[in-house]
Structure formats: structure tokens, C-alpha cells
Amino acid sequence: MSSNQQQNQNQKNQQNQNQNQNQQNQNQQNQNAAQQLGGAGSNQAAQNLGM
């Protein structure tokens, strides 16, 4: 493999890794938001029950 081909492959690999990391970060943020909403809902339910 030539130097240019290797460099291009390295760049593609880095881009893929960055995309994967971005997706994982987004998934984690979505999970965190869902947990916060779930927690808020639980608190509201407890208040409704007079707890």
C-alpha cells in the first residue's frame, strides 16, 4: 500500500471512530434525558399520592 493510500485509510478510520464516538455520546445523552424525565415523573406520581 502506498503512503497516500495508507494516509487515506487512516483518515477514514479516524472519521469512523469519531462518528462512532459521537453516536455513543448522543445515545448516552438521550438515556440521561430519559432517566431524568422518568425521575421527574416518579416524583410527580409520589406527590399525587401524598408521599
C-alpha atoms as a PDB file:
ATOM      1  CA  MET A   1       0.000   0.000   0.000  1.00  0.00           C
ATOM      2  CA  SER A   2       1.369   3.386  -0.920  1.00  0.00           C
ATOM      3  CA  SER A   3       1.903   6.169   1.560  1.00  0.00           C
ATOM      4  CA  ASN A   4      -1.090   8.104   0.200  1.00  0.00           C
ATOM      5  CA  GLN A   5      -3.359   5.078   0.388  1.00  0.00           C
ATOM      6  CA  GLN A   6      -2.301   4.436   3.965  1.00  0.00           C
ATOM      7  CA  GLN A   7      -2.911   8.051   4.895  1.00  0.00           C
ATOM      8  CA  ASN A   8      -6.362   7.996   3.285  1.00  0.00           C
ATOM      9  CA  GLN A   9      -7.216   4.778   5.120  1.00  0.00           C
ATOM     10  CA  ASN A  10      -6.049   6.282   8.398  1.00  0.00           C
ATOM     11  CA  GLN A  11      -8.250   9.314   7.820  1.00  0.00           C
ATOM     12  CA  LYS A  12     -11.266   7.122   7.061  1.00  0.00           C
ATOM     13  CA  ASN A  13     -10.648   5.085  10.184  1.00  0.00           C
ATOM     14  CA  GLN A  14     -10.381   8.229  12.281  1.00  0.00           C
ATOM     15  CA  GLN A  15     -13.596   9.627  10.809  1.00  0.00           C
ATOM     16  CA  ASN A  16     -15.406   6.369  11.548  1.00  0.00           C
ATOM     17  CA  GLN A  17     -14.121   6.368  15.105  1.00  0.00           C
ATOM     18  CA  ASN A  18     -15.235   9.967  15.540  1.00  0.00           C
ATOM     19  CA  GLN A  19     -18.695   9.155  14.168  1.00  0.00           C
ATOM     20  CA  ASN A  20     -18.990   6.164  16.479  1.00  0.00           C
ATOM     21  CA  GLN A  21     -17.958   8.259  19.475  1.00  0.00           C
ATOM     22  CA  ASN A  22     -20.438  10.982  18.540  1.00  0.00           C
ATOM     23  CA  GLN A  23     -23.221   8.400  18.272  1.00  0.00           C
ATOM     24  CA  GLN A  24     -22.316   6.889  21.628  1.00  0.00           C
ATOM     25  CA  ASN A  25     -22.306  10.335  23.204  1.00  0.00           C
ATOM     26  CA  GLN A  26     -25.722  11.098  21.705  1.00  0.00           C
ATOM     27  CA  ASN A  27     -27.093   7.778  22.914  1.00  0.00           C
ATOM     28  CA  GLN A  28     -25.813   8.493  26.419  1.00  0.00           C
ATOM     29  CA  GLN A  29     -27.343  11.963  26.410  1.00  0.00           C
ATOM     30  CA  ASN A  30     -30.672  10.506  25.300  1.00  0.00           C
ATOM     31  CA  GLN A  31     -30.521   7.910  28.073  1.00  0.00           C
ATOM     32  CA  ASN A  32     -29.683  10.566  30.640  1.00  0.00           C
ATOM     33  CA  ALA A  33     -32.572  12.730  29.482  1.00  0.00           C
ATOM     34  CA  ALA A  34     -34.956   9.775  29.608  1.00  0.00           C
ATOM     35  CA  GLN A  35     -33.822   8.920  33.131  1.00  0.00           C
ATOM     36  CA  GLN A  36     -34.324  12.497  34.256  1.00  0.00           C
ATOM     37  CA  LEU A  37     -37.809  12.547  32.744  1.00  0.00           C
ATOM     38  CA  GLY A  38     -38.562   9.220  34.389  1.00  0.00           C
ATOM     39  CA  GLY A  39     -37.346  10.524  37.724  1.00  0.00           C
ATOM     40  CA  ALA A  40     -39.447  13.647  37.402  1.00  0.00           C
ATOM     41  CA  GLY A  41     -42.478  11.529  36.566  1.00  0.00           C
ATOM     42  CA  SER A  42     -41.868   9.347  39.601  1.00  0.00           C
ATOM     43  CA  ASN A  43     -41.633  12.411  41.817  1.00  0.00           C
ATOM     44  CA  GLN A  44     -44.889  13.755  40.416  1.00  0.00           C
ATOM     45  CA  ALA A  45     -46.610  10.419  40.983  1.00  0.00           C
ATOM     46  CA  ALA A  46     -45.379  10.341  44.567  1.00  0.00           C
ATOM     47  CA  GLN A  47     -46.659  13.881  45.144  1.00  0.00           C
ATOM     48  CA  ASN A  48     -50.022  12.913  43.720  1.00  0.00           C
ATOM     49  CA  LEU A  49     -50.154  10.043  46.201  1.00  0.00           C
ATOM     50  CA  GLY A  50     -49.328  12.432  49.008  1.00  0.00           C
ATOM     51  CA  MET A  51     -45.905  10.899  49.681  1.00  0.00           C
END
